[in-house]
Amino acid sequence: MELAVKTLDGKAAGKATVDAAVFGLEDIRGDLLQRTVRWQLAKRQAGTHKTQERGEVSVTTKKYIRQKGSGGARHGSRNANIFVGGAVAHGPRVRSHAHELPKKVRKLALAHALSAKVRDGSLIVLDEAKLDAAKTKELSAKFKALGVENALIIGGPEVDANFAKAARNIPNIDVLPVAGLNVYDILRRKQLVVTKDALDGIGARFDATAKEGK
């Protein structure tokens, strides 16, 4: 299938041929997208939440009340979870939230995310994403002409330094190299902008995973 290519100034720059198996899927699998986003977010969780166990609470261990005659329950130490300042019963522990997700599922989810942008008309292909100078005002005007307001921009193997510096001051704009392309960032932005170099990198990425599967 073919996609129209534009310049950063909004002019037509021909067409780019892409794989329909990556950009042309019709039945978008929301379950695969959900699983992949959950996998990505779980991996980035710090997992440093922690509460104190009874052995970690610094209180006296002396029996603070007599065994009988108080009219209340019998207690030995105030580090029990029923007392203020005591331990927390079954509280969170430091751990990793990461879990496994098959490579085939991740690959297919990425294809569905890309196809969803094409189907919704939210994919813009640029000839290149480069600027002579890192001027945010200039880039913002170009984005406005292109209709780009809330977008993930994917460059080639390396993002142009001037373009990246100018874009980082514009709200709701993310810029990543093609190696950083992922399902979560695609879905969290309304539009996806890719360069021709990025399309080549995406194609190579899917070809490499296909060979690994064989």
N, C-alpha and C. Protein backbone atom coordinates (compact mmCIF):
# COMPACT_ATOMS: atom_id res chain seq x y z
N MET A 1 0.84 -1.20 0.00
CA MET A 1 0.00 0.00 0.00
C MET A 1 0.87 1.24 0.00
N GLU A 2 0.31 2.37 -0.44
CA GLU A 2 1.05 3.61 -0.55
C GLU A 2 0.49 4.68 0.38
N LEU A 3 1.39 5.49 0.90
CA LEU A 3 1.01 6.60 1.77
C LEU A 3 1.57 7.89 1.19
N ALA A 4 0.79 8.95 1.27
CA ALA A 4 1.25 10.25 0.77
C ALA A 4 2.34 10.80 1.67
N VAL A 5 3.33 11.42 1.04
CA VAL A 5 4.46 12.01 1.77
C VAL A 5 4.40 13.52 1.63
N LYS A 6 4.64 14.22 2.74
CA LYS A 6 4.66 15.67 2.75
C LYS A 6 6.00 16.18 3.24
N THR A 7 6.29 17.41 2.90
CA THR A 7 7.46 18.06 3.46
C THR A 7 7.05 18.73 4.77
N LEU A 8 8.02 19.21 5.51
CA LEU A 8 7.72 19.89 6.77
C LEU A 8 6.97 21.20 6.52
N ASP A 9 7.05 21.71 5.30
CA ASP A 9 6.33 22.94 4.93
C ASP A 9 4.91 22.65 4.44
N GLY A 10 4.53 21.37 4.41
CA GLY A 10 3.17 21.01 4.02
C GLY A 10 2.99 20.73 2.54
N LYS A 11 4.07 20.70 1.78
CA LYS A 11 3.97 20.44 0.34
C LYS A 11 4.04 18.94 0.06
N ALA A 12 3.46 18.54 -1.07
CA ALA A 12 3.48 17.14 -1.47
C ALA A 12 4.90 16.73 -1.86
N ALA A 13 5.28 15.52 -1.45
CA ALA A 13 6.63 15.03 -1.75
C ALA A 13 6.59 13.59 -2.24
N GLY A 14 5.54 13.26 -2.98
CA GLY A 14 5.45 11.92 -3.55
C GLY A 14 4.71 10.96 -2.63
N LYS A 15 5.02 9.67 -2.81
CA LYS A 15 4.38 8.62 -2.03
C LYS A 15 5.41 7.62 -1.52
N ALA A 16 5.06 6.94 -0.46
CA ALA A 16 5.93 5.91 0.13
C ALA A 16 5.17 4.59 0.16
N THR A 17 5.85 3.52 -0.21
CA THR A 17 5.23 2.19 -0.21
C THR A 17 5.52 1.51 1.12
N VAL A 18 4.47 1.01 1.75
CA VAL A 18 4.61 0.33 3.05
C VAL A 18 3.93 -1.03 2.98
N ASP A 19 4.25 -1.87 3.93
CA ASP A 19 3.70 -3.21 3.99
C ASP A 19 2.27 -3.16 4.54
N ALA A 20 1.32 -3.71 3.80
CA ALA A 20 -0.07 -3.71 4.24
C ALA A 20 -0.26 -4.58 5.48
N ALA A 21 0.63 -5.53 5.71
CA ALA A 21 0.53 -6.38 6.89
C ALA A 21 0.92 -5.64 8.16
N VAL A 22 1.54 -4.47 8.01
CA VAL A 22 1.95 -3.66 9.15
C VAL A 22 1.07 -2.42 9.29
N PHE A 23 0.74 -1.80 8.17
CA PHE A 23 0.00 -0.54 8.20
C PHE A 23 -1.44 -0.66 7.69
N GLY A 24 -1.82 -1.83 7.19
CA GLY A 24 -3.13 -1.95 6.57
C GLY A 24 -4.07 -2.94 7.22
N LEU A 25 -3.86 -3.28 8.47
CA LEU A 25 -4.77 -4.21 9.15
C LEU A 25 -6.12 -3.54 9.37
N GLU A 26 -7.19 -4.27 9.12
CA GLU A 26 -8.53 -3.70 9.21
C GLU A 26 -9.19 -3.92 10.57
N ASP A 27 -9.14 -5.14 11.08
CA ASP A 27 -9.77 -5.45 12.37
C ASP A 27 -8.76 -5.21 13.49
N ILE A 28 -8.84 -4.05 14.12
CA ILE A 28 -7.89 -3.68 15.16
C ILE A 28 -8.19 -4.46 16.44
N ARG A 29 -7.18 -5.15 16.95
CA ARG A 29 -7.33 -5.97 18.15
C ARG A 29 -7.05 -5.13 19.39
N GLY A 30 -8.12 -4.64 20.01
CA GLY A 30 -7.97 -3.85 21.22
C GLY A 30 -7.38 -4.63 22.37
N ASP A 31 -7.62 -5.95 22.40
CA ASP A 31 -7.09 -6.77 23.49
C ASP A 31 -5.56 -6.85 23.43
N LEU A 32 -5.00 -6.90 22.22
CA LEU A 32 -3.55 -6.94 22.09
C LEU A 32 -2.93 -5.60 22.49
N LEU A 33 -3.59 -4.52 22.13
CA LEU A 33 -3.10 -3.20 22.51
C LEU A 33 -3.12 -3.04 24.03
N GLN A 34 -4.20 -3.51 24.66
CA GLN A 34 -4.32 -3.39 26.11
C GLN A 34 -3.24 -4.21 26.82
N ARG A 35 -3.02 -5.42 26.34
CA ARG A 35 -2.01 -6.28 26.96
C ARG A 35 -0.61 -5.67 26.84
N THR A 36 -0.32 -5.10 25.70
CA THR A 36 1.01 -4.53 25.47
C THR A 36 1.22 -3.26 26.29
N VAL A 37 0.21 -2.41 26.35
CA VAL A 37 0.31 -1.19 27.17
C VAL A 37 0.49 -1.57 28.64
N ARG A 38 -0.27 -2.54 29.10
CA ARG A 38 -0.14 -2.99 30.49
C ARG A 38 1.26 -3.54 30.75
N TRP A 39 1.81 -4.28 29.80
CA TRP A 39 3.16 -4.83 29.92
C TRP A 39 4.20 -3.71 29.99
N GLN A 40 4.04 -2.69 29.15
CA GLN A 40 4.99 -1.58 29.16
C GLN A 40 4.93 -0.80 30.47
N LEU A 41 3.73 -0.51 30.93
CA LEU A 41 3.60 0.28 32.16
C LEU A 41 4.06 -0.52 33.38
N ALA A 42 3.84 -1.83 33.36
CA ALA A 42 4.29 -2.66 34.48
C ALA A 42 5.81 -2.68 34.57
N LYS A 43 6.48 -2.68 33.41
CA LYS A 43 7.94 -2.71 33.40
C LYS A 43 8.55 -1.44 33.98
N ARG A 44 7.86 -0.31 33.79
CA ARG A 44 8.44 0.95 34.26
C ARG A 44 8.10 1.26 35.72
N GLN A 45 7.23 0.46 36.35
CA GLN A 45 6.92 0.70 37.76
C GLN A 45 8.14 0.46 38.63
N ALA A 46 8.39 1.34 39.54
CA ALA A 46 9.57 1.24 40.40
C ALA A 46 9.47 0.06 41.36
N GLY A 47 8.28 -0.19 41.88
CA GLY A 47 8.11 -1.30 42.82
C GLY A 47 8.81 -1.09 44.14
N THR A 48 9.02 0.17 44.54
CA THR A 48 9.75 0.46 45.78
C THR A 48 8.82 0.72 46.95
N HIS A 49 7.53 0.47 46.77
CA HIS A 49 6.58 0.68 47.88
C HIS A 49 6.86 -0.34 48.98
N LYS A 50 6.82 0.12 50.22
CA LYS A 50 7.23 -0.74 51.32
C LYS A 50 6.57 -0.27 52.61
N THR A 51 6.10 -1.21 53.41
CA THR A 51 5.64 -0.91 54.76
C THR A 51 6.43 -1.75 55.75
N GLN A 52 6.41 -1.35 57.02
CA GLN A 52 7.21 -2.04 58.03
C GLN A 52 6.50 -3.27 58.59
N GLU A 53 7.28 -4.32 58.71
CA GLU A 53 6.78 -5.53 59.36
C GLU A 53 7.00 -5.40 60.87
N ARG A 54 6.49 -6.37 61.60
CA ARG A 54 6.58 -6.28 63.06
C ARG A 54 8.02 -6.25 63.55
N GLY A 55 8.89 -6.95 62.84
CA GLY A 55 10.29 -6.96 63.25
C GLY A 55 11.02 -5.68 62.92
N GLU A 56 10.41 -4.80 62.14
CA GLU A 56 11.05 -3.57 61.72
C GLU A 56 10.53 -2.34 62.47
N VAL A 57 9.47 -2.50 63.21
CA VAL A 57 8.91 -1.38 63.96
C VAL A 57 9.70 -1.16 65.24
N SER A 58 10.08 0.11 65.46
CA SER A 58 10.89 0.43 66.63
C SER A 58 9.99 0.84 67.80
N VAL A 59 9.54 -0.13 68.54
CA VAL A 59 8.76 0.12 69.75
C VAL A 59 9.27 -0.82 70.84
N THR A 60 8.87 -0.52 72.07
CA THR A 60 9.29 -1.40 73.16
C THR A 60 8.59 -2.75 73.04
N THR A 61 9.31 -3.78 73.41
CA THR A 61 8.72 -5.13 73.40
C THR A 61 8.28 -5.55 74.80
N LYS A 62 8.36 -4.61 75.71
CA LYS A 62 7.95 -4.93 77.08
C LYS A 62 6.42 -5.07 77.15
N LYS A 63 5.97 -6.03 77.91
CA LYS A 63 4.53 -6.21 78.08
C LYS A 63 3.99 -4.97 78.80
N TYR A 64 3.14 -4.22 78.09
CA TYR A 64 2.76 -2.90 78.59
C TYR A 64 1.53 -2.93 79.48
N ILE A 65 0.85 -4.05 79.56
CA ILE A 65 -0.35 -4.12 80.39
C ILE A 65 -0.37 -5.48 81.07
N ARG A 66 -0.93 -5.50 82.28
CA ARG A 66 -0.95 -6.77 83.02
C ARG A 66 -1.84 -7.79 82.31
N GLN A 67 -1.55 -9.03 82.55
CA GLN A 67 -2.23 -10.12 81.86
C GLN A 67 -3.72 -10.15 82.18
N LYS A 68 -4.07 -9.93 83.42
CA LYS A 68 -5.48 -10.03 83.81
C LYS A 68 -5.90 -8.81 84.62
N GLY A 69 -7.20 -8.59 84.65
CA GLY A 69 -7.75 -7.54 85.50
C GLY A 69 -7.94 -6.20 84.84
N SER A 70 -7.47 -6.04 83.59
CA SER A 70 -7.62 -4.74 82.93
C SER A 70 -8.99 -4.59 82.28
N GLY A 71 -9.68 -5.67 82.08
CA GLY A 71 -10.96 -5.62 81.41
C GLY A 71 -10.85 -5.63 79.90
N GLY A 72 -9.64 -5.67 79.41
CA GLY A 72 -9.43 -5.69 77.96
C GLY A 72 -8.71 -6.95 77.52
N ALA A 73 -8.35 -6.98 76.24
CA ALA A 73 -7.65 -8.15 75.72
C ALA A 73 -6.23 -8.22 76.24
N ARG A 74 -5.65 -9.40 76.16
CA ARG A 74 -4.28 -9.62 76.63
C ARG A 74 -3.30 -9.31 75.50
N HIS A 75 -2.34 -8.41 75.76
CA HIS A 75 -1.34 -8.05 74.75
C HIS A 75 0.05 -8.10 75.35
N GLY A 76 1.03 -8.38 74.47
CA GLY A 76 2.40 -8.44 74.93
C GLY A 76 3.24 -7.29 74.40
N SER A 77 3.02 -6.86 73.16
CA SER A 77 3.85 -5.83 72.55
C SER A 77 2.98 -4.87 71.74
N ARG A 78 3.45 -3.63 71.66
CA ARG A 78 2.68 -2.61 70.94
C ARG A 78 3.04 -2.53 69.46
N ASN A 79 3.87 -3.44 68.95
CA ASN A 79 4.20 -3.39 67.53
C ASN A 79 3.20 -4.17 66.68
N ALA A 80 2.12 -4.66 67.28
CA ALA A 80 1.08 -5.35 66.52
C ALA A 80 0.34 -4.36 65.62
N ASN A 81 -0.23 -4.86 64.56
CA ASN A 81 -0.85 -3.98 63.57
C ASN A 81 -2.13 -3.30 64.08
N ILE A 82 -2.69 -3.75 65.19
CA ILE A 82 -3.92 -3.14 65.67
C ILE A 82 -3.67 -1.87 66.47
N PHE A 83 -2.39 -1.56 66.74
CA PHE A 83 -2.06 -0.38 67.52
C PHE A 83 -1.53 0.74 66.62
N VAL A 84 -1.80 1.97 67.02
CA VAL A 84 -1.24 3.12 66.31
C VAL A 84 0.27 3.10 66.44
N GLY A 85 0.97 3.23 65.32
CA GLY A 85 2.43 3.17 65.34
C GLY A 85 2.97 1.77 65.19
N GLY A 86 2.07 0.79 65.13
CA GLY A 86 2.51 -0.60 64.96
C GLY A 86 2.76 -0.94 63.51
N ALA A 87 3.01 -2.21 63.27
CA ALA A 87 3.31 -2.68 61.92
C ALA A 87 2.04 -2.70 61.06
N VAL A 88 2.23 -2.85 59.76
CA VAL A 88 1.13 -2.98 58.81
C VAL A 88 1.00 -4.44 58.41
N ALA A 89 -0.21 -4.98 58.55
CA ALA A 89 -0.43 -6.38 58.21
C ALA A 89 -0.56 -6.55 56.70
N HIS A 90 0.21 -7.46 56.13
CA HIS A 90 0.14 -7.81 54.71
C HIS A 90 0.31 -6.59 53.80
N GLY A 91 1.22 -5.69 54.18
CA GLY A 91 1.46 -4.49 53.38
C GLY A 91 2.31 -4.78 52.16
N PRO A 92 2.50 -3.79 51.27
CA PRO A 92 3.30 -3.98 50.06
C PRO A 92 4.77 -4.19 50.37
N ARG A 93 5.44 -4.92 49.50
CA ARG A 93 6.86 -5.19 49.65
C ARG A 93 7.59 -4.77 48.38
N VAL A 94 8.87 -4.51 48.48
CA VAL A 94 9.67 -4.15 47.31
C VAL A 94 9.70 -5.33 46.35
N ARG A 95 9.27 -5.09 45.12
CA ARG A 95 9.24 -6.17 44.13
C ARG A 95 9.18 -5.59 42.72
N SER A 96 9.41 -6.41 41.74
CA SER A 96 9.28 -6.02 40.34
C SER A 96 7.87 -6.34 39.85
N HIS A 97 7.26 -5.41 39.16
CA HIS A 97 5.93 -5.62 38.61
C HIS A 97 5.98 -6.18 37.19
N ALA A 98 7.17 -6.33 36.64
CA ALA A 98 7.31 -6.78 35.25
C ALA A 98 6.80 -8.20 35.07
N HIS A 99 6.23 -8.45 33.91
CA HIS A 99 5.79 -9.80 33.58
C HIS A 99 6.12 -10.07 32.12
N GLU A 100 6.04 -11.31 31.73
CA GLU A 100 6.42 -11.70 30.38
C GLU A 100 5.28 -11.45 29.38
N LEU A 101 5.66 -11.11 28.16
CA LEU A 101 4.71 -10.99 27.06
C LEU A 101 5.43 -11.48 25.81
N PRO A 102 4.87 -12.46 25.11
CA PRO A 102 5.55 -13.03 23.94
C PRO A 102 5.89 -11.99 22.89
N LYS A 103 7.03 -12.17 22.22
CA LYS A 103 7.46 -11.23 21.20
C LYS A 103 6.45 -11.13 20.06
N LYS A 104 5.82 -12.24 19.74
CA LYS A 104 4.85 -12.22 18.65
C LYS A 104 3.66 -11.33 18.99
N VAL A 105 3.27 -11.34 20.25
CA VAL A 105 2.15 -10.49 20.68
C VAL A 105 2.56 -9.02 20.61
N ARG A 106 3.77 -8.70 21.05
CA ARG A 106 4.25 -7.32 21.00
C ARG A 106 4.37 -6.82 19.56
N LYS A 107 4.87 -7.68 18.70
CA LYS A 107 5.01 -7.31 17.29
C LYS A 107 3.65 -7.07 16.65
N LEU A 108 2.71 -7.96 16.91
CA LEU A 108 1.38 -7.82 16.33
C LEU A 108 0.66 -6.59 16.88
N ALA A 109 0.85 -6.31 18.16
CA ALA A 109 0.23 -5.13 18.77
C ALA A 109 0.76 -3.85 18.14
N LEU A 110 2.06 -3.81 17.84
CA LEU A 110 2.64 -2.63 17.19
C LEU A 110 2.04 -2.43 15.80
N ALA A 111 1.86 -3.52 15.07
CA ALA A 111 1.24 -3.43 13.75
C ALA A 111 -0.20 -2.93 13.85
N HIS A 112 -0.93 -3.38 14.85
CA HIS A 112 -2.31 -2.93 15.03
C HIS A 112 -2.36 -1.46 15.43
N ALA A 113 -1.40 -1.01 16.23
CA ALA A 113 -1.36 0.40 16.63
C ALA A 113 -1.07 1.28 15.41
N LEU A 114 -0.13 0.85 14.57
CA LEU A 114 0.19 1.62 13.36
C LEU A 114 -1.00 1.62 12.39
N SER A 115 -1.63 0.48 12.24
CA SER A 115 -2.78 0.38 11.34
C SER A 115 -3.95 1.22 11.83
N ALA A 116 -4.11 1.31 13.14
CA ALA A 116 -5.19 2.12 13.70
C ALA A 116 -5.01 3.59 13.35
N LYS A 117 -3.77 4.06 13.36
CA LYS A 117 -3.51 5.46 13.00
C LYS A 117 -3.79 5.70 11.52
N VAL A 118 -3.43 4.72 10.68
CA VAL A 118 -3.69 4.86 9.25
C VAL A 118 -5.20 4.85 9.00
N ARG A 119 -5.90 3.95 9.64
CA ARG A 119 -7.35 3.83 9.45
C ARG A 119 -8.07 5.11 9.88
N ASP A 120 -7.59 5.74 10.97
CA ASP A 120 -8.23 6.96 11.47
C ASP A 120 -7.78 8.22 10.74
N GLY A 121 -6.85 8.07 9.80
CA GLY A 121 -6.33 9.24 9.11
C GLY A 121 -5.43 10.09 9.98
N SER A 122 -4.81 9.47 10.97
CA SER A 122 -3.98 10.20 11.94
C SER A 122 -2.49 9.98 11.72
N LEU A 123 -2.13 9.37 10.59
CA LEU A 123 -0.72 9.13 10.28
C LEU A 123 -0.25 10.12 9.21
N ILE A 124 0.82 10.83 9.51
CA ILE A 124 1.42 11.77 8.57
C ILE A 124 2.85 11.33 8.28
N VAL A 125 3.18 11.22 6.99
CA VAL A 125 4.53 10.83 6.59
C VAL A 125 5.27 12.06 6.09
N LEU A 126 6.42 12.34 6.70
CA LEU A 126 7.25 13.48 6.30
C LEU A 126 8.44 13.02 5.49
N ASP A 127 8.86 13.86 4.56
CA ASP A 127 10.05 13.56 3.79
C ASP A 127 11.26 13.49 4.72
N GLU A 128 11.37 14.47 5.60
CA GLU A 128 12.41 14.49 6.61
C GLU A 128 12.02 15.45 7.73
N ALA A 129 12.61 15.26 8.88
CA ALA A 129 12.33 16.11 10.04
C ALA A 129 13.64 16.78 10.46
N LYS A 130 13.95 17.86 9.77
CA LYS A 130 15.21 18.57 10.02
C LYS A 130 14.97 20.07 9.99
N LEU A 131 15.77 20.79 10.79
CA LEU A 131 15.72 22.25 10.84
C LEU A 131 17.13 22.80 10.75
N ASP A 132 17.26 23.97 10.13
CA ASP A 132 18.57 24.61 10.06
C ASP A 132 18.97 25.21 11.41
N ALA A 133 17.95 25.61 12.20
CA ALA A 133 18.22 26.18 13.51
C ALA A 133 17.13 25.73 14.48
N ALA A 134 17.49 25.62 15.75
CA ALA A 134 16.55 25.14 16.77
C ALA A 134 15.64 26.28 17.21
N LYS A 135 14.66 26.59 16.39
CA LYS A 135 13.72 27.67 16.68
C LYS A 135 12.32 27.11 16.89
N THR A 136 11.85 27.19 18.11
CA THR A 136 10.55 26.63 18.45
C THR A 136 9.42 27.35 17.72
N LYS A 137 9.50 28.66 17.61
CA LYS A 137 8.45 29.42 16.96
C LYS A 137 8.28 29.00 15.50
N GLU A 138 9.39 28.79 14.83
CA GLU A 138 9.36 28.37 13.42
C GLU A 138 8.74 26.99 13.28
N LEU A 139 9.16 26.06 14.13
CA LEU A 139 8.63 24.70 14.06
C LEU A 139 7.16 24.65 14.44
N SER A 140 6.78 25.45 15.42
CA SER A 140 5.37 25.49 15.83
C SER A 140 4.48 25.97 14.68
N ALA A 141 4.96 26.92 13.91
CA ALA A 141 4.20 27.41 12.76
C ALA A 141 4.06 26.33 11.69
N LYS A 142 5.12 25.56 11.49
CA LYS A 142 5.07 24.46 10.51
C LYS A 142 4.08 23.39 10.97
N PHE A 143 4.09 23.08 12.26
CA PHE A 143 3.15 22.09 12.79
C PHE A 143 1.70 22.57 12.61
N LYS A 144 1.48 23.85 12.85
CA LYS A 144 0.13 24.39 12.72
C LYS A 144 -0.36 24.28 11.29
N ALA A 145 0.54 24.50 10.32
CA ALA A 145 0.18 24.39 8.91
C ALA A 145 -0.12 22.94 8.53
N LEU A 146 0.58 22.03 9.17
CA LEU A 146 0.35 20.60 8.90
C LEU A 146 -0.86 20.06 9.66
N GLY A 147 -1.34 20.81 10.63
CA GLY A 147 -2.44 20.32 11.45
C GLY A 147 -2.00 19.41 12.57
N VAL A 148 -0.73 19.54 12.96
CA VAL A 148 -0.16 18.70 14.02
C VAL A 148 -0.29 19.44 15.35
N GLU A 149 -1.05 18.88 16.27
CA GLU A 149 -1.25 19.51 17.58
C GLU A 149 -0.88 18.60 18.74
N ASN A 150 -1.19 17.34 18.60
CA ASN A 150 -0.95 16.35 19.66
C ASN A 150 -0.39 15.11 18.99
N ALA A 151 0.94 15.00 18.94
CA ALA A 151 1.52 13.97 18.08
C ALA A 151 2.79 13.36 18.64
N LEU A 152 3.02 12.13 18.22
CA LEU A 152 4.30 11.46 18.42
C LEU A 152 5.04 11.50 17.10
N ILE A 153 6.25 12.03 17.11
CA ILE A 153 7.04 12.17 15.90
C ILE A 153 8.21 11.18 15.94
N ILE A 154 8.27 10.34 14.93
CA ILE A 154 9.31 9.31 14.86
C ILE A 154 10.28 9.67 13.75
N GLY A 155 11.54 9.89 14.12
CA GLY A 155 12.58 10.19 13.14
C GLY A 155 13.29 8.93 12.70
N GLY A 156 14.43 9.11 12.06
CA GLY A 156 15.22 7.98 11.61
C GLY A 156 16.03 7.36 12.73
N PRO A 157 17.13 6.71 12.41
CA PRO A 157 17.99 6.12 13.46
C PRO A 157 18.43 7.14 14.49
N GLU A 158 18.62 8.39 14.05
CA GLU A 158 18.97 9.49 14.94
C GLU A 158 18.09 10.69 14.62
N VAL A 159 17.60 11.34 15.65
CA VAL A 159 16.76 12.51 15.48
C VAL A 159 17.63 13.74 15.29
N ASP A 160 17.25 14.60 14.34
CA ASP A 160 17.99 15.84 14.11
C ASP A 160 18.01 16.67 15.39
N ALA A 161 19.20 17.11 15.79
CA ALA A 161 19.36 17.81 17.06
C ALA A 161 18.56 19.11 17.11
N ASN A 162 18.59 19.87 16.04
CA ASN A 162 17.84 21.13 16.01
C ASN A 162 16.34 20.89 16.09
N PHE A 163 15.88 19.88 15.38
CA PHE A 163 14.46 19.56 15.40
C PHE A 163 14.03 19.13 16.80
N ALA A 164 14.83 18.28 17.43
CA ALA A 164 14.49 17.79 18.77
C ALA A 164 14.45 18.93 19.79
N LYS A 165 15.43 19.84 19.70
CA LYS A 165 15.48 20.96 20.65
C LYS A 165 14.29 21.90 20.46
N ALA A 166 13.91 22.14 19.22
CA ALA A 166 12.79 23.03 18.95
C ALA A 166 11.47 22.40 19.37
N ALA A 167 11.35 21.09 19.22
CA ALA A 167 10.08 20.40 19.50
C ALA A 167 9.85 20.19 20.99
N ARG A 168 10.91 20.15 21.78
CA ARG A 168 10.73 19.81 23.19
C ARG A 168 10.04 20.92 23.98
N ASN A 169 9.96 22.11 23.42
CA ASN A 169 9.27 23.21 24.09
C ASN A 169 7.81 23.34 23.66
N ILE A 170 7.37 22.47 22.75
CA ILE A 170 5.99 22.52 22.26
C ILE A 170 5.16 21.51 23.03
N PRO A 171 4.06 21.93 23.66
CA PRO A 171 3.24 21.00 24.45
C PRO A 171 2.64 19.89 23.58
N ASN A 172 2.50 18.72 24.18
CA ASN A 172 1.85 17.57 23.55
C ASN A 172 2.57 17.06 22.30
N ILE A 173 3.86 17.30 22.23
CA ILE A 173 4.67 16.79 21.13
C ILE A 173 5.81 15.95 21.69
N ASP A 174 5.90 14.71 21.25
CA ASP A 174 6.99 13.83 21.64
C ASP A 174 7.81 13.47 20.42
N VAL A 175 9.12 13.42 20.56
CA VAL A 175 10.01 13.07 19.46
C VAL A 175 10.89 11.90 19.88
N LEU A 176 10.89 10.84 19.06
CA LEU A 176 11.67 9.65 19.36
C LEU A 176 12.37 9.15 18.10
N PRO A 177 13.52 8.50 18.24
CA PRO A 177 14.10 7.81 17.08
C PRO A 177 13.28 6.57 16.77
N VAL A 178 13.52 5.98 15.62
CA VAL A 178 12.70 4.84 15.21
C VAL A 178 12.87 3.66 16.16
N ALA A 179 14.03 3.57 16.81
CA ALA A 179 14.24 2.47 17.76
C ALA A 179 13.35 2.60 18.98
N GLY A 180 12.85 3.81 19.27
CA GLY A 180 12.01 4.03 20.44
C GLY A 180 10.52 3.86 20.16
N LEU A 181 10.16 3.50 18.94
CA LEU A 181 8.74 3.34 18.59
C LEU A 181 8.10 2.26 19.46
N ASN A 182 6.97 2.59 20.10
CA ASN A 182 6.31 1.63 20.98
C ASN A 182 4.81 1.89 21.00
N VAL A 183 4.06 0.89 21.41
CA VAL A 183 2.59 0.94 21.36
C VAL A 183 2.04 2.02 22.28
N TYR A 184 2.56 2.11 23.50
CA TYR A 184 2.02 3.07 24.47
C TYR A 184 2.12 4.50 23.98
N ASP A 185 3.29 4.90 23.48
CA ASP A 185 3.46 6.28 23.02
C ASP A 185 2.65 6.57 21.76
N ILE A 186 2.43 5.56 20.93
CA ILE A 186 1.58 5.75 19.75
C ILE A 186 0.15 6.06 20.17
N LEU A 187 -0.35 5.30 21.14
CA LEU A 187 -1.74 5.42 21.55
C LEU A 187 -2.00 6.66 22.40
N ARG A 188 -1.00 7.14 23.13
CA ARG A 188 -1.23 8.27 24.03
C ARG A 188 -1.29 9.61 23.30
N ARG A 189 -0.92 9.62 22.02
CA ARG A 189 -1.01 10.83 21.21
C ARG A 189 -2.03 10.64 20.10
N LYS A 190 -2.69 11.72 19.71
CA LYS A 190 -3.75 11.64 18.71
C LYS A 190 -3.21 11.38 17.31
N GLN A 191 -2.01 11.86 17.03
CA GLN A 191 -1.44 11.72 15.71
C GLN A 191 -0.08 11.04 15.77
N LEU A 192 0.28 10.42 14.66
CA LEU A 192 1.59 9.80 14.53
C LEU A 192 2.25 10.37 13.29
N VAL A 193 3.43 10.96 13.47
CA VAL A 193 4.18 11.54 12.36
C VAL A 193 5.47 10.76 12.20
N VAL A 194 5.70 10.21 11.03
CA VAL A 194 6.90 9.41 10.78
C VAL A 194 7.62 9.95 9.55
N THR A 195 8.93 9.85 9.55
CA THR A 195 9.71 10.24 8.39
C THR A 195 9.89 9.04 7.47
N LYS A 196 10.38 9.30 6.27
CA LYS A 196 10.63 8.20 5.32
C LYS A 196 11.71 7.27 5.87
N ASP A 197 12.71 7.85 6.55
CA ASP A 197 13.74 7.02 7.17
C ASP A 197 13.14 6.12 8.25
N ALA A 198 12.16 6.67 8.97
CA ALA A 198 11.50 5.89 10.01
C ALA A 198 10.72 4.72 9.41
N LEU A 199 10.07 4.96 8.26
CA LEU A 199 9.34 3.88 7.60
C LEU A 199 10.28 2.75 7.21
N ASP A 200 11.48 3.11 6.73
CA ASP A 200 12.47 2.08 6.39
C ASP A 200 12.90 1.31 7.64
N GLY A 201 13.06 2.04 8.75
CA GLY A 201 13.45 1.39 9.99
C GLY A 201 12.36 0.48 10.53
N ILE A 202 11.11 0.89 10.39
CA ILE A 202 9.98 0.05 10.85
C ILE A 202 9.90 -1.21 10.02
N GLY A 203 10.07 -1.05 8.69
CA GLY A 203 10.05 -2.23 7.82
C GLY A 203 11.17 -3.20 8.16
N ALA A 204 12.37 -2.67 8.41
CA ALA A 204 13.50 -3.53 8.77
C ALA A 204 13.26 -4.21 10.10
N ARG A 205 12.60 -3.51 11.02
CA ARG A 205 12.30 -4.07 12.34
C ARG A 205 11.36 -5.27 12.23
N PHE A 206 10.35 -5.16 11.41
CA PHE A 206 9.41 -6.26 11.24
C PHE A 206 10.03 -7.40 10.45
N ASP A 207 10.90 -7.08 9.49
CA ASP A 207 11.59 -8.14 8.75
C ASP A 207 12.51 -8.92 9.67
N ALA A 208 13.18 -8.21 10.60
CA ALA A 208 14.10 -8.87 11.52
C ALA A 208 13.35 -9.80 12.47
N THR A 209 12.20 -9.35 12.98
CA THR A 209 11.43 -10.19 13.89
C THR A 209 10.82 -11.38 13.17
N ALA A 210 10.49 -11.18 11.88
CA ALA A 210 9.95 -12.30 11.11
C ALA A 210 11.01 -13.38 10.92
N LYS A 211 12.25 -12.95 10.68
CA LYS A 211 13.34 -13.91 10.51
C LYS A 211 13.63 -14.64 11.82
N GLU A 212 13.55 -13.90 12.94
CA GLU A 212 13.76 -14.55 14.24
C GLU A 212 12.70 -15.61 14.52
N GLY A 213 11.45 -15.31 14.05
CA GLY A 213 10.38 -16.27 14.26
C GLY A 213 10.59 -17.55 13.50
N LYS A 214 11.26 -17.44 12.34
CA LYS A 214 11.54 -18.64 11.54
C LYS A 214 12.66 -19.47 12.18
